[in-house]
Amino acid sequence: MISDGTGAEVVSRIAAPMVGGMISAVVLTLLVLPVVYYLWRRHSLLG
């Protein structure tokens, strides 16, 4: 993504969304999904 060799311009255009997707997948998996699961289970136990 930070290279400047032959074909780097094309590869960096592909690499930027790929890195963003990998980071957002980790955040979603480690932070958002456990919170949603906790809230869902808490709601089903109270109701």
C-alpha atoms as a PDB file:
ATOM      1  CA  MET A   1       0.000   0.000   0.000  1.00  0.00           C
ATOM      2  CA  ILE A   2       2.946   2.350   0.551  1.00  0.00           C
ATOM      3  CA  SER A   3       5.198   0.983  -2.194  1.00  0.00           C
ATOM      4  CA  ASP A   4       6.376   3.031  -5.170  1.00  0.00           C
ATOM      5  CA  GLY A   5       7.571   0.311  -7.542  1.00  0.00           C
ATOM      6  CA  THR A   6       6.151  -0.903 -10.838  1.00  0.00           C
ATOM      7  CA  GLY A   7       2.380  -1.291 -10.644  1.00  0.00           C
ATOM      8  CA  ALA A   8       2.195   0.215  -7.161  1.00  0.00           C
ATOM      9  CA  GLU A   9      -0.467   2.725  -8.199  1.00  0.00           C
ATOM     10  CA  VAL A  10      -2.863  -0.029  -9.258  1.00  0.00           C
ATOM     11  CA  VAL A  11      -2.143  -2.248  -6.266  1.00  0.00           C
ATOM     12  CA  SER A  12      -2.539   0.602  -3.754  1.00  0.00           C
ATOM     13  CA  ARG A  13      -6.036   1.290  -5.110  1.00  0.00           C
ATOM     14  CA  ILE A  14      -6.898  -2.337  -4.379  1.00  0.00           C
ATOM     15  CA  ALA A  15      -5.050  -2.517  -1.049  1.00  0.00           C
ATOM     16  CA  ALA A  16      -6.661   0.512   0.611  1.00  0.00           C
ATOM     17  CA  PRO A  17     -10.246  -0.869   0.636  1.00  0.00           C
ATOM     18  CA  MET A  18      -8.922  -4.313   1.556  1.00  0.00           C
ATOM     19  CA  VAL A  19      -7.099  -2.990   4.623  1.00  0.00           C
ATOM     20  CA  GLY A  20     -10.152  -0.959   5.604  1.00  0.00           C
ATOM     21  CA  GLY A  21     -12.355  -4.022   5.297  1.00  0.00           C
ATOM     22  CA  MET A  22     -10.024  -6.116   7.404  1.00  0.00           C
ATOM     23  CA  ILE A  23      -9.909  -3.484  10.146  1.00  0.00           C
ATOM     24  CA  SER A  24     -13.680  -3.005  10.166  1.00  0.00           C
ATOM     25  CA  ALA A  25     -14.215  -6.792  10.292  1.00  0.00           C
ATOM     26  CA  VAL A  26     -12.005  -7.065  13.382  1.00  0.00           C
ATOM     27  CA  VAL A  27     -13.797  -4.180  15.099  1.00  0.00           C
ATOM     28  CA  LEU A  28     -17.192  -5.668  14.247  1.00  0.00           C
ATOM     29  CA  THR A  29     -16.212  -9.126  15.469  1.00  0.00           C
ATOM     30  CA  LEU A  30     -14.475  -8.106  18.695  1.00  0.00           C
ATOM     31  CA  LEU A  31     -16.577  -5.150  19.815  1.00  0.00           C
ATOM     32  CA  VAL A  32     -19.975  -4.788  18.163  1.00  0.00           C
ATOM     33  CA  LEU A  33     -21.180  -8.387  17.982  1.00  0.00           C
ATOM     34  CA  PRO A  34     -20.483  -9.236  21.652  1.00  0.00           C
ATOM     35  CA  VAL A  35     -22.348  -6.101  22.774  1.00  0.00           C
ATOM     36  CA  VAL A  36     -25.324  -6.920  20.550  1.00  0.00           C
ATOM     37  CA  TYR A  37     -25.347 -10.510  21.829  1.00  0.00           C
ATOM     38  CA  TYR A  38     -25.188  -9.335  25.456  1.00  0.00           C
ATOM     39  CA  LEU A  39     -28.069  -6.899  24.965  1.00  0.00           C
ATOM     40  CA  TRP A  40     -30.115  -9.546  23.145  1.00  0.00           C
ATOM     41  CA  ARG A  41     -29.580 -12.143  25.897  1.00  0.00           C
ATOM     42  CA  ARG A  42     -30.305  -9.604  28.627  1.00  0.00           C
ATOM     43  CA  HIS A  43     -33.544  -8.613  26.947  1.00  0.00           C
ATOM     44  CA  SER A  44     -34.670 -12.222  26.475  1.00  0.00           C
ATOM     45  CA  LEU A  45     -33.954 -13.101  30.132  1.00  0.00           C
ATOM     46  CA  LEU A  46     -35.849 -10.093  31.467  1.00  0.00           C
ATOM     47  CA  GLY A  47     -38.863 -10.467  29.197  1.00  0.00           C
END
